[in-house]
Amino acid sequence: MSITEDAREAVMTGRRTDGTRVRRPLSPHLQVYDMVQMTSGMSIANRGAGIAWTIGMVFLVWWLVAAAAGPQAFANAQWFFGSFLGMLALAGLTAVAWFHTFAGLRHLYWDFGKGYDLPAVHKTGYITLIATGVMTALTWLIAIVSW
């Protein structure tokens, strides 16, 4: 058995079903990817939107628990959501929700086996971004008018 200079070498080798040893391929580092490409940029943004949406649910739970806890707790939650920081968080969550929805529809379109060619990928990516901006603005416009 040889001594490896890099400890990661131990996890880069494996065995085939017949018992022969093979080197496993390494995943490329993030620096390999061009983050401003539509494909990788939208993929990373969709994952980030999912994470932000999950974290945003903490705000929903807080608001619901405050509503159940009584008038003082609910007033405190309402004060936060009415503040500049709260409004900024709600606007961000609105954008995240719309983006994640439209990116999900884009993936559903791909599930039908359509839109895999590069021009279609770019077109649906731009449609997702534009639709997110339009629907976020429309949502807040309706909310402010009806408030």
N, C-alpha and C. Protein backbone atom coordinates (compact mmCIF):
# COMPACT_ATOMS: atom_id res chain seq x y z
N MET A 1 0.85 -1.17 0.00
CA MET A 1 0.00 0.00 0.00
C MET A 1 0.90 1.24 0.00
N SER A 2 0.58 2.17 -0.91
CA SER A 2 1.41 3.36 -1.01
C SER A 2 0.88 4.46 -0.10
N ILE A 3 1.76 5.30 0.31
CA ILE A 3 1.39 6.44 1.15
C ILE A 3 1.08 7.60 0.21
N THR A 4 -0.13 8.16 0.34
CA THR A 4 -0.51 9.28 -0.51
C THR A 4 -0.10 10.58 0.14
N GLU A 5 0.23 11.55 -0.71
CA GLU A 5 0.61 12.86 -0.19
C GLU A 5 -0.61 13.70 0.16
N ASP A 6 -1.71 13.42 -0.47
CA ASP A 6 -2.93 14.18 -0.23
C ASP A 6 -3.97 13.24 0.38
N ALA A 7 -4.54 13.62 1.51
CA ALA A 7 -5.50 12.77 2.19
C ALA A 7 -6.76 12.55 1.37
N ARG A 8 -7.05 13.47 0.44
CA ARG A 8 -8.25 13.32 -0.38
C ARG A 8 -8.13 12.17 -1.36
N GLU A 9 -6.91 11.71 -1.62
CA GLU A 9 -6.70 10.59 -2.53
C GLU A 9 -7.46 9.35 -2.07
N ALA A 10 -7.61 9.18 -0.76
CA ALA A 10 -8.25 7.99 -0.22
C ALA A 10 -9.72 7.90 -0.65
N VAL A 11 -10.39 9.02 -0.78
CA VAL A 11 -11.80 8.99 -1.17
C VAL A 11 -12.00 9.08 -2.67
N MET A 12 -10.92 9.26 -3.41
CA MET A 12 -11.04 9.37 -4.86
C MET A 12 -10.85 8.02 -5.55
N THR A 13 -10.67 6.97 -4.79
CA THR A 13 -10.54 5.65 -5.39
C THR A 13 -11.71 4.78 -4.95
N GLY A 14 -12.09 3.90 -5.83
CA GLY A 14 -13.19 3.00 -5.53
C GLY A 14 -12.96 1.66 -6.20
N ARG A 15 -13.91 0.80 -6.13
CA ARG A 15 -13.80 -0.53 -6.75
C ARG A 15 -15.01 -0.77 -7.64
N ARG A 16 -14.74 -1.38 -8.78
CA ARG A 16 -15.82 -1.80 -9.66
C ARG A 16 -16.47 -3.05 -9.07
N THR A 17 -17.55 -3.49 -9.72
CA THR A 17 -18.24 -4.68 -9.22
C THR A 17 -17.38 -5.93 -9.32
N ASP A 18 -16.40 -5.91 -10.24
CA ASP A 18 -15.51 -7.08 -10.34
C ASP A 18 -14.32 -6.99 -9.39
N GLY A 19 -14.22 -5.91 -8.62
CA GLY A 19 -13.18 -5.77 -7.62
C GLY A 19 -11.97 -4.95 -8.05
N THR A 20 -11.89 -4.56 -9.32
CA THR A 20 -10.74 -3.77 -9.76
C THR A 20 -10.86 -2.35 -9.25
N ARG A 21 -9.72 -1.74 -8.93
CA ARG A 21 -9.68 -0.37 -8.39
C ARG A 21 -9.77 0.64 -9.53
N VAL A 22 -10.52 1.72 -9.29
CA VAL A 22 -10.65 2.81 -10.26
C VAL A 22 -10.55 4.14 -9.53
N ARG A 23 -10.13 5.18 -10.27
CA ARG A 23 -10.13 6.54 -9.72
C ARG A 23 -11.47 7.19 -10.05
N ARG A 24 -12.10 7.75 -9.04
CA ARG A 24 -13.37 8.44 -9.25
C ARG A 24 -13.11 9.83 -9.82
N PRO A 25 -14.02 10.33 -10.64
CA PRO A 25 -13.84 11.70 -11.16
C PRO A 25 -14.09 12.72 -10.07
N LEU A 26 -13.42 13.84 -10.17
CA LEU A 26 -13.60 14.93 -9.22
C LEU A 26 -14.61 15.93 -9.77
N SER A 27 -15.43 16.46 -8.89
CA SER A 27 -16.34 17.52 -9.30
C SER A 27 -15.53 18.79 -9.48
N PRO A 28 -15.85 19.59 -10.49
CA PRO A 28 -15.11 20.83 -10.68
C PRO A 28 -15.45 21.85 -9.60
N HIS A 29 -14.54 22.73 -9.34
CA HIS A 29 -14.75 23.78 -8.37
C HIS A 29 -15.66 24.84 -8.96
N LEU A 30 -16.29 25.65 -8.12
CA LEU A 30 -17.21 26.69 -8.60
C LEU A 30 -16.54 27.69 -9.52
N GLN A 31 -15.23 27.87 -9.41
CA GLN A 31 -14.54 28.83 -10.26
C GLN A 31 -14.57 28.41 -11.73
N VAL A 32 -14.87 27.15 -12.00
CA VAL A 32 -14.95 26.67 -13.37
C VAL A 32 -16.17 27.25 -14.08
N TYR A 33 -17.24 27.50 -13.33
CA TYR A 33 -18.49 27.94 -13.93
C TYR A 33 -18.51 29.45 -14.11
N ASP A 34 -19.13 29.87 -15.18
CA ASP A 34 -19.34 31.28 -15.44
C ASP A 34 -20.67 31.67 -14.82
N MET A 35 -20.63 32.41 -13.73
CA MET A 35 -21.85 32.70 -12.97
C MET A 35 -22.80 33.65 -13.69
N VAL A 36 -22.34 34.33 -14.74
CA VAL A 36 -23.23 35.24 -15.45
C VAL A 36 -23.89 34.56 -16.64
N GLN A 37 -23.64 33.28 -16.84
CA GLN A 37 -24.37 32.55 -17.86
C GLN A 37 -25.81 32.40 -17.43
N MET A 38 -26.71 32.42 -18.38
CA MET A 38 -28.13 32.29 -18.05
C MET A 38 -28.41 30.96 -17.35
N THR A 39 -27.82 29.88 -17.84
CA THR A 39 -28.13 28.56 -17.30
C THR A 39 -27.67 28.42 -15.85
N SER A 40 -26.41 28.69 -15.60
CA SER A 40 -25.91 28.52 -14.23
C SER A 40 -26.42 29.62 -13.31
N GLY A 41 -26.55 30.83 -13.82
CA GLY A 41 -27.06 31.93 -13.00
C GLY A 41 -28.49 31.68 -12.51
N MET A 42 -29.34 31.20 -13.42
CA MET A 42 -30.73 30.92 -13.04
C MET A 42 -30.82 29.73 -12.10
N SER A 43 -29.97 28.75 -12.31
CA SER A 43 -29.97 27.58 -11.43
C SER A 43 -29.57 27.98 -10.01
N ILE A 44 -28.51 28.75 -9.90
CA ILE A 44 -28.04 29.19 -8.59
C ILE A 44 -29.07 30.12 -7.95
N ALA A 45 -29.66 31.02 -8.74
CA ALA A 45 -30.67 31.93 -8.21
C ALA A 45 -31.91 31.17 -7.74
N ASN A 46 -32.29 30.13 -8.46
CA ASN A 46 -33.46 29.34 -8.06
C ASN A 46 -33.20 28.63 -6.74
N ARG A 47 -32.01 28.10 -6.57
CA ARG A 47 -31.67 27.46 -5.29
C ARG A 47 -31.64 28.49 -4.17
N GLY A 48 -31.07 29.65 -4.46
CA GLY A 48 -31.04 30.72 -3.46
C GLY A 48 -32.44 31.20 -3.11
N ALA A 49 -33.32 31.27 -4.12
CA ALA A 49 -34.70 31.67 -3.87
C ALA A 49 -35.42 30.65 -3.01
N GLY A 50 -35.13 29.38 -3.24
CA GLY A 50 -35.74 28.34 -2.40
C GLY A 50 -35.30 28.46 -0.95
N ILE A 51 -34.02 28.76 -0.76
CA ILE A 51 -33.50 28.93 0.60
C ILE A 51 -34.12 30.18 1.24
N ALA A 52 -34.16 31.28 0.49
CA ALA A 52 -34.73 32.52 1.02
C ALA A 52 -36.22 32.34 1.33
N TRP A 53 -36.93 31.61 0.48
CA TRP A 53 -38.35 31.35 0.69
C TRP A 53 -38.55 30.53 1.96
N THR A 54 -37.67 29.56 2.19
CA THR A 54 -37.75 28.74 3.40
C THR A 54 -37.49 29.59 4.64
N ILE A 55 -36.49 30.43 4.58
CA ILE A 55 -36.20 31.33 5.70
C ILE A 55 -37.35 32.31 5.90
N GLY A 56 -37.96 32.76 4.81
CA GLY A 56 -39.08 33.68 4.89
C GLY A 56 -40.29 33.08 5.57
N MET A 57 -40.40 31.78 5.55
CA MET A 57 -41.52 31.12 6.22
C MET A 57 -41.44 31.30 7.74
N VAL A 58 -40.24 31.58 8.23
CA VAL A 58 -40.08 31.89 9.66
C VAL A 58 -40.90 33.13 10.00
N PHE A 59 -40.90 34.12 9.09
CA PHE A 59 -41.70 35.33 9.30
C PHE A 59 -43.19 35.00 9.34
N LEU A 60 -43.63 34.12 8.45
CA LEU A 60 -45.04 33.72 8.44
C LEU A 60 -45.41 33.02 9.74
N VAL A 61 -44.56 32.12 10.19
CA VAL A 61 -44.83 31.41 11.44
C VAL A 61 -44.86 32.39 12.61
N TRP A 62 -43.92 33.34 12.62
CA TRP A 62 -43.90 34.36 13.68
C TRP A 62 -45.22 35.14 13.68
N TRP A 63 -45.67 35.56 12.50
CA TRP A 63 -46.90 36.33 12.40
C TRP A 63 -48.11 35.52 12.87
N LEU A 64 -48.17 34.24 12.48
CA LEU A 64 -49.28 33.39 12.89
C LEU A 64 -49.26 33.10 14.40
N VAL A 65 -48.09 32.84 14.94
CA VAL A 65 -47.98 32.60 16.38
C VAL A 65 -48.33 33.88 17.14
N ALA A 66 -47.89 35.02 16.63
CA ALA A 66 -48.22 36.29 17.29
C ALA A 66 -49.73 36.54 17.26
N ALA A 67 -50.36 36.18 16.15
CA ALA A 67 -51.81 36.35 16.05
C ALA A 67 -52.53 35.46 17.05
N ALA A 68 -52.00 34.28 17.30
CA ALA A 68 -52.62 33.36 18.25
C ALA A 68 -52.27 33.71 19.69
N ALA A 69 -51.14 34.40 19.89
CA ALA A 69 -50.67 34.68 21.24
C ALA A 69 -51.44 35.83 21.91
N GLY A 70 -52.00 36.70 21.14
CA GLY A 70 -52.75 37.80 21.75
C GLY A 70 -52.49 39.13 21.09
N PRO A 71 -53.23 40.14 21.51
CA PRO A 71 -53.16 41.45 20.85
C PRO A 71 -51.79 42.12 20.95
N GLN A 72 -51.10 42.00 22.09
CA GLN A 72 -49.81 42.68 22.24
C GLN A 72 -48.75 42.03 21.34
N ALA A 73 -48.70 40.71 21.31
CA ALA A 73 -47.73 40.02 20.45
C ALA A 73 -48.02 40.30 18.98
N PHE A 74 -49.31 40.33 18.62
CA PHE A 74 -49.68 40.62 17.23
C PHE A 74 -49.33 42.05 16.86
N ALA A 75 -49.52 42.98 17.78
CA ALA A 75 -49.17 44.38 17.53
C ALA A 75 -47.67 44.53 17.32
N ASN A 76 -46.87 43.77 18.08
CA ASN A 76 -45.41 43.81 17.90
C ASN A 76 -45.01 43.29 16.52
N ALA A 77 -45.62 42.19 16.11
CA ALA A 77 -45.32 41.63 14.78
C ALA A 77 -45.76 42.60 13.69
N GLN A 78 -46.94 43.18 13.85
CA GLN A 78 -47.43 44.13 12.86
C GLN A 78 -46.54 45.37 12.80
N TRP A 79 -46.02 45.80 13.95
CA TRP A 79 -45.11 46.94 13.96
C TRP A 79 -43.87 46.62 13.14
N PHE A 80 -43.32 45.42 13.31
CA PHE A 80 -42.13 45.06 12.54
C PHE A 80 -42.44 45.02 11.04
N PHE A 81 -43.52 44.38 10.66
CA PHE A 81 -43.84 44.26 9.24
C PHE A 81 -44.22 45.60 8.62
N GLY A 82 -44.63 46.56 9.43
CA GLY A 82 -44.93 47.90 8.94
C GLY A 82 -43.72 48.80 8.90
N SER A 83 -42.61 48.37 9.51
CA SER A 83 -41.40 49.18 9.51
C SER A 83 -40.70 49.07 8.15
N PHE A 84 -39.71 49.94 7.93
CA PHE A 84 -38.96 49.92 6.67
C PHE A 84 -38.29 48.57 6.45
N LEU A 85 -37.66 48.04 7.49
CA LEU A 85 -36.98 46.75 7.38
C LEU A 85 -37.99 45.63 7.10
N GLY A 86 -39.13 45.68 7.76
CA GLY A 86 -40.16 44.68 7.52
C GLY A 86 -40.72 44.75 6.11
N MET A 87 -40.96 45.96 5.63
CA MET A 87 -41.45 46.13 4.26
C MET A 87 -40.42 45.65 3.24
N LEU A 88 -39.17 45.93 3.52
CA LEU A 88 -38.09 45.46 2.64
C LEU A 88 -38.04 43.94 2.62
N ALA A 89 -38.20 43.32 3.79
CA ALA A 89 -38.21 41.85 3.86
C ALA A 89 -39.41 41.29 3.11
N LEU A 90 -40.57 41.91 3.26
CA LEU A 90 -41.77 41.43 2.57
C LEU A 90 -41.66 41.62 1.05
N ALA A 91 -41.07 42.73 0.63
CA ALA A 91 -40.87 42.95 -0.80
C ALA A 91 -39.90 41.91 -1.37
N GLY A 92 -38.85 41.64 -0.61
CA GLY A 92 -37.90 40.61 -1.04
C GLY A 92 -38.54 39.24 -1.11
N LEU A 93 -39.36 38.93 -0.13
CA LEU A 93 -40.05 37.63 -0.13
C LEU A 93 -41.07 37.54 -1.27
N THR A 94 -41.67 38.65 -1.62
CA THR A 94 -42.59 38.65 -2.75
C THR A 94 -41.84 38.33 -4.04
N ALA A 95 -40.69 38.97 -4.23
CA ALA A 95 -39.87 38.71 -5.42
C ALA A 95 -39.38 37.27 -5.43
N VAL A 96 -38.96 36.78 -4.28
CA VAL A 96 -38.48 35.40 -4.18
C VAL A 96 -39.59 34.41 -4.50
N ALA A 97 -40.79 34.67 -3.99
CA ALA A 97 -41.91 33.77 -4.25
C ALA A 97 -42.26 33.73 -5.73
N TRP A 98 -42.32 34.91 -6.36
CA TRP A 98 -42.63 34.93 -7.79
C TRP A 98 -41.52 34.29 -8.61
N PHE A 99 -40.27 34.58 -8.28
CA PHE A 99 -39.15 33.99 -9.03
C PHE A 99 -39.18 32.47 -8.91
N HIS A 100 -39.36 31.98 -7.71
CA HIS A 100 -39.36 30.53 -7.50
C HIS A 100 -40.54 29.88 -8.23
N THR A 101 -41.67 30.56 -8.28
CA THR A 101 -42.83 30.05 -9.00
C THR A 101 -42.56 29.98 -10.50
N PHE A 102 -42.05 31.07 -11.08
CA PHE A 102 -41.79 31.07 -12.51
C PHE A 102 -40.65 30.14 -12.90
N ALA A 103 -39.64 30.03 -12.05
CA ALA A 103 -38.55 29.07 -12.32
C ALA A 103 -39.09 27.64 -12.24
N GLY A 104 -40.04 27.40 -11.34
CA GLY A 104 -40.66 26.08 -11.25
C GLY A 104 -41.48 25.77 -12.50
N LEU A 105 -42.19 26.77 -13.03
CA LEU A 105 -42.93 26.58 -14.28
C LEU A 105 -41.97 26.32 -15.44
N ARG A 106 -40.83 26.97 -15.40
CA ARG A 106 -39.80 26.74 -16.43
C ARG A 106 -39.30 25.29 -16.37
N HIS A 107 -39.09 24.81 -15.18
CA HIS A 107 -38.66 23.42 -15.01
C HIS A 107 -39.77 22.45 -15.43
N LEU A 108 -41.01 22.81 -15.15
CA LEU A 108 -42.13 21.97 -15.57
C LEU A 108 -42.19 21.88 -17.10
N TYR A 109 -41.91 22.99 -17.76
CA TYR A 109 -41.83 23.01 -19.23
C TYR A 109 -40.74 22.06 -19.70
N TRP A 110 -39.62 22.05 -19.02
CA TRP A 110 -38.53 21.12 -19.38
C TRP A 110 -38.95 19.67 -19.12
N ASP A 111 -39.76 19.45 -18.09
CA ASP A 111 -40.21 18.08 -17.80
C ASP A 111 -41.03 17.48 -18.93
N PHE A 112 -41.63 18.34 -19.75
CA PHE A 112 -42.34 17.86 -20.92
C PHE A 112 -41.40 17.60 -22.09
N GLY A 113 -40.09 17.79 -21.87
CA GLY A 113 -39.10 17.53 -22.90
C GLY A 113 -38.95 18.67 -23.89
N LYS A 114 -39.37 19.85 -23.53
CA LYS A 114 -39.31 20.99 -24.44
C LYS A 114 -38.38 22.06 -23.88
N GLY A 115 -37.83 22.88 -24.78
CA GLY A 115 -37.05 24.04 -24.38
C GLY A 115 -35.63 23.76 -23.94
N TYR A 116 -35.06 22.66 -24.41
CA TYR A 116 -33.69 22.34 -24.01
C TYR A 116 -32.63 23.01 -24.88
N ASP A 117 -33.00 23.48 -26.07
CA ASP A 117 -32.00 24.12 -26.92
C ASP A 117 -31.61 25.47 -26.33
N LEU A 118 -30.39 25.89 -26.59
CA LEU A 118 -29.84 27.07 -25.92
C LEU A 118 -30.65 28.35 -26.15
N PRO A 119 -31.15 28.63 -27.36
CA PRO A 119 -31.98 29.84 -27.50
C PRO A 119 -33.25 29.79 -26.64
N ALA A 120 -33.86 28.61 -26.53
CA ALA A 120 -35.06 28.49 -25.70
C ALA A 120 -34.72 28.64 -24.22
N VAL A 121 -33.58 28.12 -23.81
CA VAL A 121 -33.15 28.26 -22.41
C VAL A 121 -32.95 29.74 -22.07
N HIS A 122 -32.32 30.48 -22.97
CA HIS A 122 -32.12 31.91 -22.72
C HIS A 122 -33.44 32.66 -22.73
N LYS A 123 -34.31 32.31 -23.67
CA LYS A 123 -35.60 32.99 -23.77
C LYS A 123 -36.44 32.76 -22.52
N THR A 124 -36.55 31.51 -22.06
CA THR A 124 -37.34 31.23 -20.86
C THR A 124 -36.69 31.83 -19.62
N GLY A 125 -35.36 31.94 -19.60
CA GLY A 125 -34.68 32.58 -18.48
C GLY A 125 -35.03 34.06 -18.39
N TYR A 126 -34.98 34.74 -19.54
CA TYR A 126 -35.34 36.16 -19.54
C TYR A 126 -36.83 36.36 -19.24
N ILE A 127 -37.66 35.46 -19.75
CA ILE A 127 -39.10 35.54 -19.44
C ILE A 127 -39.32 35.39 -17.93
N THR A 128 -38.59 34.47 -17.31
CA THR A 128 -38.71 34.28 -15.86
C THR A 128 -38.31 35.54 -15.11
N LEU A 129 -37.21 36.15 -15.50
CA LEU A 129 -36.74 37.36 -14.82
C LEU A 129 -37.71 38.53 -15.01
N ILE A 130 -38.18 38.71 -16.24
CA ILE A 130 -39.10 39.82 -16.51
C ILE A 130 -40.43 39.59 -15.81
N ALA A 131 -40.95 38.37 -15.87
CA ALA A 131 -42.22 38.06 -15.21
C ALA A 131 -42.12 38.25 -13.70
N THR A 132 -40.95 37.91 -13.13
CA THR A 132 -40.75 38.12 -11.70
C THR A 132 -40.84 39.59 -11.35
N GLY A 133 -40.15 40.43 -12.12
CA GLY A 133 -40.19 41.87 -11.86
C GLY A 133 -41.58 42.46 -12.03
N VAL A 134 -42.26 42.07 -13.10
CA VAL A 134 -43.60 42.60 -13.37
C VAL A 134 -44.58 42.16 -12.29
N MET A 135 -44.57 40.89 -11.94
CA MET A 135 -45.53 40.39 -10.96
C MET A 135 -45.24 40.90 -9.55
N THR A 136 -43.96 41.09 -9.22
CA THR A 136 -43.62 41.66 -7.91
C THR A 136 -44.15 43.09 -7.83
N ALA A 137 -43.90 43.88 -8.87
CA ALA A 137 -44.38 45.27 -8.89
C ALA A 137 -45.90 45.31 -8.88
N LEU A 138 -46.54 44.44 -9.64
CA LEU A 138 -48.01 44.40 -9.69
C LEU A 138 -48.59 43.99 -8.34
N THR A 139 -47.97 43.02 -7.70
CA THR A 139 -48.43 42.58 -6.37
C THR A 139 -48.38 43.73 -5.37
N TRP A 140 -47.27 44.46 -5.37
CA TRP A 140 -47.14 45.56 -4.42
C TRP A 140 -48.02 46.75 -4.80
N LEU A 141 -48.23 46.95 -6.08
CA LEU A 141 -49.13 48.02 -6.50
C LEU A 141 -50.55 47.73 -6.02
N ILE A 142 -51.00 46.51 -6.21
CA ILE A 142 -52.33 46.11 -5.75
C ILE A 142 -52.42 46.20 -4.22
N ALA A 143 -51.36 45.75 -3.54
CA ALA A 143 -51.36 45.80 -2.06
C ALA A 143 -51.43 47.24 -1.55
N ILE A 144 -50.69 48.14 -2.17
CA ILE A 144 -50.66 49.53 -1.71
C ILE A 144 -51.98 50.23 -2.03
N VAL A 145 -52.54 49.96 -3.21
CA VAL A 145 -53.81 50.59 -3.59
C VAL A 145 -54.94 50.11 -2.69
N SER A 146 -54.95 48.82 -2.36
CA SER A 146 -56.04 48.29 -1.56
C SER A 146 -55.81 48.50 -0.05
N TRP A 147 -54.65 48.96 0.33
CA TRP A 147 -54.34 49.20 1.73
C TRP A 147 -55.03 50.44 2.14
